[in-house]
Amino acid sequence: MRLFATIAVWLCCAGAAWADEARVRAHAEAFVEAFNDGSAAAAERFAAEHGVGEGARWAEVFARQRASGGRLERAQVRTLPSGRNVFVIARRTTTGAWENFQFRVDVEHDDRIQLFFIAQALEPYALPAFGVEDRRFPDWLNGFVAHLRESQPFYGAIAIVRGDEVIYGRAFGLADVSQQRPNSLETRFNLASGGKMFTAVAVMQLMERDALSLSDPITRWVPEAIGLPGAEAITIRHLLAHTSGIPDYWDDAYERDWANITQHEQLLAHVLRNFGAPQPGAYEYSNANYALLGLIVERASGENFHEYVRRHVFEPAGMASTDYPLRSQEGASYARPYDPVMEAGLVAIGRHDLVTLGERGSGAGGASSTVADMLAFDRALRGGVLVRAETFAEMRRLQAESDLPGSGYGYGFLIQPGSYGHGGSARHAIRAPPL
């Protein structure tokens, strides 16, 4: 799978219960001990005393990870200030690579932990004893990024904002490897699924204007789905919250057609081909939901989706550098997407895989933007420029829970304890040779 980084994240503090740091650390340290023990009995004991979930599931994770990378050595435990998350950063004995085992903390169950992500990491770098608003933080962050260059270089842009003041803004790495063109704060990065936020805003705008209702069955706007099993029970609300049950359309047939798709009508055939017999209700993230929403925006507004979002989202928000470009016509202001070349679990410094993307984005994602424009989008949302305050609050409300306590999806936003936003990645089986 090919991945490339998202462009911006903002956090919204919430009054959530805090975990006991000492207890969380004890759970995480018990994870390392059980992992390195390697026995099913150790995994069962860990699950019973420290983990959320069945012991058999933990045993499966331990066995699979030990087989692929070896034991954990030089492990360090780090908790986030809220106590809701804890990281175990360790070096693997077989590959020599550093990895970050990330856990959610369940404050309602004795602060036990649940594995939710494993990421590549670098040798631990000392965290600051101060927060992002401290005047020393920019120097620390610059030092951290310099450290990254030695083992896992960061290519992208960072902006940290307090209120309306940008307290840190800097770009790193290359936007185009072949031309040795550096990134800047004006570089346009492909947001991938981050663009789902724009689609959700468009839908909620049309709802506010009574052009559609969230209770509308999708068959009202997509009559092509009439007669498909389960279609009549699926509403726009289900699409927004990823609770429709419609499977993702992203398969080999879609990838073969990806370079030719520029309109939602072309996407519809792939969505309907993979429709199955969905049963709405449970959360299941699927690009098909937002591809259909893009088409519904067109049919409810009478405008092309890309034109509608430009006129009603980007322009009112002051996002002059955000658009849905044709990939074949992208100019020098756009970053080209790359994947690092990996060797034995480590990044091969100075080598890159050029990632192939589709020709144009859709309601499911694929807009290109800058850090400044994403901050403008945030301000426009919070300021009532794009949707009413009560509508924005409803979009940020947890509409569907995932298997992680307190986490899931709103309307166009990934919701986590104390935060909202949206990440993005793109996947393609076809890539160019490493550069």
Protein backbone atom coordinates (compact mmCIF):
# COMPACT_ATOMS: atom_id res chain seq x y z
CA MET A 1 0.00 0.00 0.00
CA ARG A 2 1.15 3.53 -0.70
CA LEU A 3 0.73 6.26 1.87
CA PHE A 4 1.50 9.94 2.04
CA ALA A 5 1.14 12.39 4.86
CA THR A 6 -1.76 14.59 5.80
CA ILE A 7 -1.29 18.33 5.84
CA ALA A 8 -2.77 19.76 9.03
CA VAL A 9 -4.37 18.79 12.31
CA TRP A 10 -6.12 20.95 14.88
CA LEU A 11 -7.22 19.93 18.33
CA CYS A 12 -10.21 20.95 20.40
CA CYS A 13 -9.83 20.40 24.11
CA ALA A 14 -12.69 18.71 25.92
CA GLY A 15 -13.47 18.02 29.53
CA ALA A 16 -12.74 14.29 29.55
CA ALA A 17 -11.80 12.12 32.53
CA TRP A 18 -8.07 11.81 33.06
CA ALA A 19 -6.27 8.54 33.60
CA ASP A 20 -3.88 7.72 36.42
CA GLU A 21 -0.41 8.00 34.88
CA ALA A 22 1.26 5.50 37.21
CA ARG A 23 -1.40 2.88 36.51
CA VAL A 24 -1.20 3.49 32.76
CA ARG A 25 2.58 3.10 32.82
CA ALA A 26 2.26 -0.15 34.75
CA HIS A 27 -0.13 -1.52 32.11
CA ALA A 28 2.25 -0.52 29.30
CA GLU A 29 5.27 -2.02 31.05
CA ALA A 30 3.30 -5.25 31.55
CA PHE A 31 2.70 -5.27 27.79
CA VAL A 32 6.45 -5.29 27.10
CA GLU A 33 7.00 -8.11 29.60
CA ALA A 34 4.19 -10.26 28.17
CA PHE A 35 5.25 -9.54 24.57
CA ASN A 36 8.81 -10.67 25.23
CA ASP A 37 7.69 -13.74 27.18
CA GLY A 38 6.19 -15.10 23.98
CA SER A 39 3.83 -17.62 25.57
CA ALA A 40 0.07 -17.77 25.15
CA ALA A 41 -0.26 -17.98 28.93
CA ALA A 42 1.54 -14.63 29.33
CA ALA A 43 -0.79 -13.04 26.79
CA GLU A 44 -3.82 -14.41 28.64
CA ARG A 45 -2.54 -13.01 31.96
CA PHE A 46 -1.84 -9.66 30.36
CA ALA A 47 -5.35 -9.43 28.89
CA ALA A 48 -6.93 -10.38 32.22
CA GLU A 49 -4.98 -7.84 34.28
CA HIS A 50 -3.90 -5.03 31.95
CA GLY A 51 -5.59 -5.14 28.52
CA VAL A 52 -8.96 -4.55 26.92
CA GLY A 53 -10.11 -7.47 24.78
CA GLU A 54 -9.79 -11.23 24.60
CA GLY A 55 -6.52 -12.89 25.54
CA ALA A 56 -6.56 -14.85 22.30
CA ARG A 57 -6.47 -11.60 20.31
CA TRP A 58 -3.50 -10.31 22.28
CA ALA A 59 -1.73 -13.65 21.84
CA GLU A 60 -2.26 -13.42 18.09
CA VAL A 61 -0.79 -9.91 17.98
CA PHE A 62 2.21 -10.95 20.10
CA ALA A 63 2.94 -14.02 17.96
CA ARG A 64 2.59 -12.19 14.65
CA GLN A 65 4.73 -9.25 15.71
CA ARG A 66 7.45 -11.38 17.31
CA ALA A 67 7.67 -13.47 14.13
CA SER A 68 8.01 -10.41 11.90
CA GLY A 69 10.34 -8.25 13.98
CA GLY A 70 11.55 -10.01 17.09
CA ARG A 71 11.42 -9.04 20.75
CA LEU A 72 11.26 -5.51 22.17
CA GLU A 73 14.45 -4.00 23.56
CA ARG A 74 15.31 -0.58 24.97
CA ALA A 75 11.57 -0.02 25.38
CA GLN A 76 10.36 3.35 26.63
CA VAL A 77 6.84 4.19 27.82
CA ARG A 78 5.39 7.62 27.09
CA THR A 79 2.00 8.94 28.12
CA LEU A 80 0.26 11.93 26.57
CA PRO A 81 -0.70 14.77 28.95
CA SER A 82 -4.40 13.83 28.90
CA GLY A 83 -3.55 10.29 29.94
CA ARG A 84 -5.84 8.98 27.21
CA ASN A 85 -3.02 7.58 25.11
CA VAL A 86 0.23 5.77 25.83
CA PHE A 87 3.10 4.82 23.53
CA VAL A 88 5.65 2.03 23.86
CA ILE A 89 8.64 2.89 21.68
CA ALA A 90 11.08 0.01 21.29
CA ARG A 91 13.80 -1.40 19.06
CA ARG A 92 13.05 -4.76 17.44
CA THR A 93 15.72 -7.41 17.96
CA THR A 94 15.38 -9.06 14.51
CA THR A 95 15.06 -6.06 12.19
CA GLY A 96 16.81 -3.42 14.27
CA ALA A 97 13.98 -1.01 13.46
CA TRP A 98 12.34 1.25 16.03
CA GLU A 99 8.56 0.92 16.30
CA ASN A 100 5.85 2.76 18.20
CA PHE A 101 3.13 0.60 19.77
CA GLN A 102 0.28 3.01 20.41
CA PHE A 103 -2.54 2.31 22.86
CA ARG A 104 -5.85 3.82 23.86
CA VAL A 105 -6.47 4.06 27.60
CA ASP A 106 -9.91 2.97 28.81
CA VAL A 107 -10.51 5.14 31.89
CA GLU A 108 -13.76 3.32 32.63
CA HIS A 109 -11.95 -0.03 33.03
CA ASP A 110 -9.09 0.63 35.44
CA ASP A 111 -7.09 2.54 32.81
CA ARG A 112 -6.43 -0.66 30.87
CA ILE A 113 -4.96 -0.36 27.39
CA GLN A 114 -6.09 -1.40 23.94
CA LEU A 115 -3.69 -1.65 21.00
CA PHE A 116 -4.83 0.59 18.16
CA PHE A 117 -1.83 1.28 15.95
CA ILE A 118 1.76 0.22 15.27
CA ALA A 119 3.93 2.77 13.46
CA GLN A 120 7.52 3.10 12.36
CA ALA A 121 9.48 5.21 14.80
CA LEU A 122 12.94 6.59 15.35
CA GLU A 123 15.28 6.24 18.25
CA PRO A 124 13.62 8.09 21.15
CA TYR A 125 14.22 11.80 21.34
CA ALA A 126 13.75 13.55 24.69
CA LEU A 127 10.33 15.17 24.99
CA PRO A 128 10.27 18.76 26.25
CA ALA A 129 9.31 19.55 29.82
CA PHE A 130 7.14 22.42 28.53
CA GLY A 131 4.12 22.84 26.27
CA VAL A 132 3.73 24.09 22.69
CA GLU A 133 2.99 27.62 23.85
CA ASP A 134 6.36 27.94 25.60
CA ARG A 135 8.82 30.20 23.78
CA ARG A 136 11.37 27.35 23.84
CA PHE A 137 9.12 24.96 21.91
CA PRO A 138 10.06 26.10 18.35
CA ASP A 139 13.74 25.40 19.07
CA TRP A 140 12.87 21.97 20.44
CA LEU A 141 10.72 21.15 17.40
CA ASN A 142 13.47 22.26 15.02
CA GLY A 143 15.88 19.97 16.84
CA PHE A 144 13.44 17.09 16.67
CA VAL A 145 12.99 17.45 12.90
CA ALA A 146 16.76 17.65 12.47
CA HIS A 147 16.99 14.37 14.39
CA LEU A 148 14.42 12.85 12.03
CA ARG A 149 16.71 13.53 9.06
CA GLU A 150 19.16 10.97 10.41
CA SER A 151 16.78 8.00 10.30
CA GLN A 152 13.31 8.86 8.96
CA PRO A 153 13.20 12.26 7.22
CA PHE A 154 10.02 14.32 7.43
CA TYR A 155 8.77 15.91 4.21
CA GLY A 156 5.92 18.34 4.73
CA ALA A 157 4.79 21.50 6.47
CA ILE A 158 3.96 22.25 10.10
CA ALA A 159 1.88 25.09 11.50
CA ILE A 160 1.04 25.52 15.18
CA VAL A 161 -1.58 28.13 15.98
CA ARG A 162 -2.78 29.72 19.21
CA GLY A 163 -6.01 31.58 18.57
CA ASP A 164 -5.32 33.50 15.37
CA GLU A 165 -1.56 33.68 15.99
CA VAL A 166 0.75 31.32 14.14
CA ILE A 167 3.40 30.52 16.74
CA TYR A 168 5.31 28.09 14.50
CA GLY A 169 5.35 27.66 10.75
CA ARG A 170 8.00 25.82 8.75
CA ALA A 171 8.32 23.46 5.77
CA PHE A 172 10.77 20.58 5.36
CA GLY A 173 12.08 18.27 2.66
CA LEU A 174 11.35 18.15 -1.04
CA ALA A 175 8.13 18.76 -2.92
CA ASP A 176 9.65 17.26 -6.09
CA VAL A 177 12.60 14.89 -5.77
CA SER A 178 13.48 14.81 -9.47
CA GLN A 179 13.66 18.63 -9.62
CA GLN A 180 15.08 18.97 -6.08
CA ARG A 181 12.30 21.49 -5.42
CA PRO A 182 11.89 22.13 -1.68
CA ASN A 183 8.63 22.26 0.19
CA SER A 184 7.40 25.64 1.43
CA LEU A 185 4.45 26.84 3.47
CA GLU A 186 2.79 27.60 0.12
CA THR A 187 3.21 24.04 -1.22
CA ARG A 188 -0.10 22.35 -2.03
CA PHE A 189 -0.33 18.83 -0.59
CA ASN A 190 -2.88 16.23 -1.59
CA LEU A 191 -5.19 15.77 1.41
CA ALA A 192 -6.57 12.39 0.29
CA SER A 193 -9.45 11.53 2.66
CA GLY A 194 -8.99 14.82 4.50
CA GLY A 195 -11.21 16.24 1.75
CA LYS A 196 -14.20 14.40 3.25
CA MET A 197 -14.55 17.41 5.56
CA PHE A 198 -15.30 19.61 2.55
CA THR A 199 -17.91 17.17 1.26
CA ALA A 200 -19.64 17.03 4.63
CA VAL A 201 -19.73 20.84 4.83
CA ALA A 202 -21.30 20.97 1.35
CA VAL A 203 -23.99 18.47 2.37
CA MET A 204 -24.78 20.36 5.58
CA GLN A 205 -25.02 23.64 3.67
CA LEU A 206 -27.60 22.08 1.35
CA MET A 207 -29.44 20.72 4.39
CA GLU A 208 -29.55 24.22 5.90
CA ARG A 209 -31.05 25.53 2.64
CA ASP A 210 -33.67 22.71 2.62
CA ALA A 211 -32.26 21.41 -0.66
CA LEU A 212 -32.05 17.97 0.93
CA SER A 213 -32.72 16.23 4.24
CA LEU A 214 -30.34 13.99 6.14
CA SER A 215 -33.24 11.55 6.40
CA ASP A 216 -33.58 11.28 2.63
CA PRO A 217 -33.05 7.72 1.36
CA ILE A 218 -30.16 7.63 -1.05
CA THR A 219 -32.49 6.28 -3.73
CA ARG A 220 -34.14 9.72 -3.89
CA TRP A 221 -30.91 11.17 -5.25
CA VAL A 222 -29.32 8.06 -6.72
CA PRO A 223 -32.17 6.25 -8.49
CA GLU A 224 -29.57 3.97 -10.06
CA ALA A 225 -29.51 2.19 -6.68
CA ILE A 226 -33.24 1.39 -6.69
CA GLY A 227 -33.73 -2.36 -6.54
CA LEU A 228 -30.34 -3.07 -4.96
CA PRO A 229 -30.67 -5.06 -1.71
CA GLY A 230 -30.80 -2.74 1.31
CA ALA A 231 -30.57 0.51 -0.66
CA GLU A 232 -33.99 1.86 0.38
CA ALA A 233 -33.00 1.74 4.08
CA ILE A 234 -29.84 3.83 3.63
CA THR A 235 -30.10 7.58 4.26
CA ILE A 236 -27.79 10.53 3.73
CA ARG A 237 -27.17 10.49 7.48
CA HIS A 238 -25.82 6.96 7.18
CA LEU A 239 -23.42 8.06 4.45
CA LEU A 240 -22.15 11.01 6.50
CA ALA A 241 -21.40 8.86 9.55
CA HIS A 242 -20.04 5.81 7.67
CA THR A 243 -22.88 3.66 8.97
CA SER A 244 -24.43 2.69 5.61
CA GLY A 245 -22.72 -0.69 5.43
CA ILE A 246 -21.85 -0.09 1.75
CA PRO A 247 -18.45 -1.70 1.04
CA ASP A 248 -15.55 0.29 -0.33
CA TYR A 249 -15.20 0.36 -4.11
CA TRP A 250 -11.39 0.45 -4.00
CA ASP A 251 -10.36 -2.74 -5.80
CA ASP A 252 -8.16 -3.74 -8.74
CA ALA A 253 -10.83 -2.81 -11.29
CA TYR A 254 -11.12 0.67 -9.80
CA GLU A 255 -7.36 1.16 -9.76
CA ARG A 256 -7.15 0.24 -13.43
CA ASP A 257 -9.69 3.00 -14.14
CA TRP A 258 -8.35 5.49 -11.58
CA ALA A 259 -6.32 7.56 -14.01
CA ASN A 260 -9.41 8.18 -16.19
CA ILE A 261 -11.93 9.17 -13.50
CA THR A 262 -12.65 12.90 -13.23
CA GLN A 263 -16.41 12.92 -12.48
CA HIS A 264 -18.73 11.31 -9.92
CA GLU A 265 -20.82 9.65 -12.59
CA GLN A 266 -17.74 7.57 -13.44
CA LEU A 267 -17.28 6.59 -9.78
CA LEU A 268 -20.90 5.49 -9.44
CA ALA A 269 -20.39 2.37 -11.55
CA HIS A 270 -17.65 1.17 -9.19
CA VAL A 271 -19.75 1.90 -6.10
CA LEU A 272 -22.78 0.02 -7.46
CA ARG A 273 -20.65 -2.89 -8.66
CA ASN A 274 -19.42 -3.43 -5.10
CA PHE A 275 -22.72 -2.54 -3.38
CA GLY A 276 -23.51 -6.00 -1.99
CA ALA A 277 -26.43 -6.19 0.46
CA PRO A 278 -25.53 -3.62 3.15
CA GLN A 279 -27.23 -3.48 6.53
CA PRO A 280 -27.02 0.09 7.84
CA GLY A 281 -26.27 0.83 11.48
CA ALA A 282 -22.73 -0.18 12.45
CA TYR A 283 -19.72 2.05 11.81
CA GLU A 284 -17.56 0.93 8.89
CA TYR A 285 -15.36 3.48 7.14
CA SER A 286 -15.88 3.34 3.37
CA ASN A 287 -14.98 5.71 0.55
CA ALA A 288 -18.21 4.68 -1.17
CA ASN A 289 -20.20 6.76 1.33
CA TYR A 290 -18.51 10.00 0.37
CA ALA A 291 -18.35 9.22 -3.32
CA LEU A 292 -22.17 8.97 -3.19
CA LEU A 293 -22.35 12.19 -1.15
CA GLY A 294 -20.35 13.98 -3.84
CA LEU A 295 -22.88 12.85 -6.43
CA ILE A 296 -25.77 13.90 -4.18
CA VAL A 297 -24.24 17.37 -3.78
CA GLU A 298 -24.25 17.69 -7.56
CA ARG A 299 -27.83 16.54 -7.98
CA ALA A 300 -29.24 18.55 -5.05
CA SER A 301 -27.42 21.76 -5.99
CA GLY A 302 -27.51 21.50 -9.78
CA GLU A 303 -23.77 22.27 -9.85
CA ASN A 304 -20.71 20.20 -10.61
CA PHE A 305 -19.25 19.02 -7.28
CA HIS A 306 -15.83 20.61 -7.78
CA GLU A 307 -17.42 23.92 -8.79
CA TYR A 308 -19.87 23.84 -5.88
CA VAL A 309 -17.13 23.28 -3.30
CA ARG A 310 -14.99 26.00 -4.85
CA ARG A 311 -17.83 28.57 -4.79
CA HIS A 312 -19.46 27.64 -1.46
CA VAL A 313 -16.58 26.34 0.68
CA PHE A 314 -13.15 27.41 -0.56
CA GLU A 315 -13.98 30.98 -1.66
CA PRO A 316 -16.04 31.99 1.42
CA ALA A 317 -13.34 30.57 3.68
CA GLY A 318 -10.58 32.44 1.85
CA MET A 319 -8.89 29.22 0.69
CA ALA A 320 -7.35 30.59 -2.50
CA SER A 321 -4.79 27.77 -2.82
CA THR A 322 -7.18 24.82 -2.40
CA ASP A 323 -8.69 22.96 -5.34
CA TYR A 324 -9.29 19.61 -7.02
CA PRO A 325 -6.61 19.69 -9.73
CA LEU A 326 -6.23 17.39 -12.69
CA ARG A 327 -3.09 15.48 -11.71
CA SER A 328 -1.74 15.59 -15.25
CA GLN A 329 -1.87 19.40 -15.14
CA GLU A 330 -0.44 20.07 -11.67
CA GLY A 331 2.19 22.79 -11.70
CA ALA A 332 5.17 23.71 -9.57
CA SER A 333 3.06 24.71 -6.55
CA TYR A 334 1.99 21.08 -5.93
CA ALA A 335 3.94 18.45 -4.01
CA ARG A 336 4.51 15.13 -5.73
CA PRO A 337 3.61 12.15 -3.51
CA TYR A 338 6.32 9.70 -2.48
CA ASP A 339 6.69 6.67 -0.27
CA PRO A 340 10.00 6.02 1.50
CA VAL A 341 12.06 3.06 0.36
CA MET A 342 12.31 0.59 3.24
CA GLU A 343 15.23 -1.75 3.85
CA ALA A 344 15.01 -4.23 6.77
CA GLY A 345 12.39 -2.08 8.46
CA LEU A 346 14.42 1.13 8.15
CA VAL A 347 14.12 4.10 5.80
CA ALA A 348 16.72 4.17 3.03
CA ILE A 349 17.86 7.78 3.27
CA GLY A 350 17.77 9.67 -0.04
CA ARG A 351 15.67 7.10 -1.93
CA HIS A 352 11.99 7.53 -2.78
CA ASP A 353 9.12 5.69 -4.46
CA LEU A 354 7.00 7.96 -6.65
CA VAL A 355 3.32 7.26 -5.92
CA THR A 356 0.78 7.18 -8.76
CA LEU A 357 -2.54 8.92 -8.01
CA GLY A 358 -5.90 9.19 -9.77
CA GLU A 359 -6.58 11.98 -12.21
CA ARG A 360 -8.92 14.00 -9.97
CA GLY A 361 -10.35 14.01 -6.47
CA SER A 362 -13.99 13.48 -5.54
CA GLY A 363 -16.36 13.66 -2.62
CA ALA A 364 -14.32 10.84 -1.09
CA GLY A 365 -11.19 13.02 -1.03
CA GLY A 366 -8.29 14.19 -3.13
CA ALA A 367 -8.33 17.97 -2.80
CA SER A 368 -4.98 19.76 -2.61
CA SER A 369 -4.34 22.47 -0.02
CA THR A 370 -1.78 24.36 2.05
CA VAL A 371 -1.35 24.66 5.81
CA ALA A 372 -2.53 28.29 5.66
CA ASP A 373 -5.70 27.34 3.80
CA MET A 374 -6.48 24.55 6.25
CA LEU A 375 -6.18 27.03 9.09
CA ALA A 376 -8.50 29.36 7.17
CA PHE A 377 -10.97 26.47 6.82
CA ASP A 378 -10.87 25.90 10.58
CA ARG A 379 -11.47 29.59 11.29
CA ALA A 380 -14.36 29.72 8.82
CA LEU A 381 -16.00 26.70 10.43
CA ARG A 382 -15.60 28.03 13.97
CA GLY A 383 -16.68 31.52 12.87
CA GLY A 384 -19.97 30.47 11.31
CA VAL A 385 -18.91 31.43 7.80
CA LEU A 386 -19.61 28.04 6.20
CA VAL A 387 -22.39 26.55 8.35
CA ARG A 388 -24.37 27.69 11.37
CA ALA A 389 -22.86 27.16 14.81
CA GLU A 390 -25.44 24.50 15.74
CA THR A 391 -24.73 22.66 12.48
CA PHE A 392 -21.01 22.67 13.14
CA ALA A 393 -21.64 21.35 16.65
CA GLU A 394 -23.71 18.50 15.22
CA MET A 395 -20.92 17.64 12.76
CA ARG A 396 -18.47 17.38 15.67
CA ARG A 397 -20.80 15.25 17.78
CA LEU A 398 -19.95 11.54 17.90
CA GLN A 399 -22.48 9.97 15.52
CA ALA A 400 -21.02 6.46 15.37
CA GLU A 401 -18.59 4.81 17.77
CA SER A 402 -15.74 2.66 16.51
CA ASP A 403 -14.23 -0.19 18.53
CA LEU A 404 -12.14 2.36 20.45
CA PRO A 405 -13.98 3.84 23.46
CA GLY A 406 -15.08 7.44 22.86
CA SER A 407 -13.79 7.41 19.29
CA GLY A 408 -15.53 7.17 15.94
CA TYR A 409 -17.03 9.50 13.39
CA GLY A 410 -19.15 12.63 13.33
CA TYR A 411 -20.28 14.13 10.04
CA GLY A 412 -17.05 14.44 8.06
CA PHE A 413 -14.85 14.42 11.15
CA LEU A 414 -12.93 11.67 12.89
CA ILE A 415 -13.75 12.09 16.56
CA GLN A 416 -11.34 11.15 19.33
CA PRO A 417 -11.41 12.04 23.02
CA GLY A 418 -10.77 15.77 23.14
CA SER A 419 -10.20 16.27 19.41
CA TYR A 420 -11.74 16.30 15.95
CA GLY A 421 -10.31 16.50 12.43
CA HIS A 422 -9.47 14.18 9.54
CA GLY A 423 -6.37 12.46 8.28
CA GLY A 424 -5.80 11.10 4.81
CA SER A 425 -3.81 8.53 2.87
CA ALA A 426 -3.84 7.23 -0.70
CA ARG A 427 -3.14 3.69 -1.79
CA HIS A 428 -2.15 2.33 -5.17
CA ALA A 429 -0.64 -0.99 -6.12
CA ILE A 430 1.23 0.53 -9.06
CA ARG A 431 4.34 2.60 -8.47
CA ALA A 432 7.38 3.82 -10.31
CA PRO A 433 10.89 2.44 -9.63
CA PRO A 434 12.69 4.02 -6.62
CA LEU A 435 14.52 7.26 -7.35
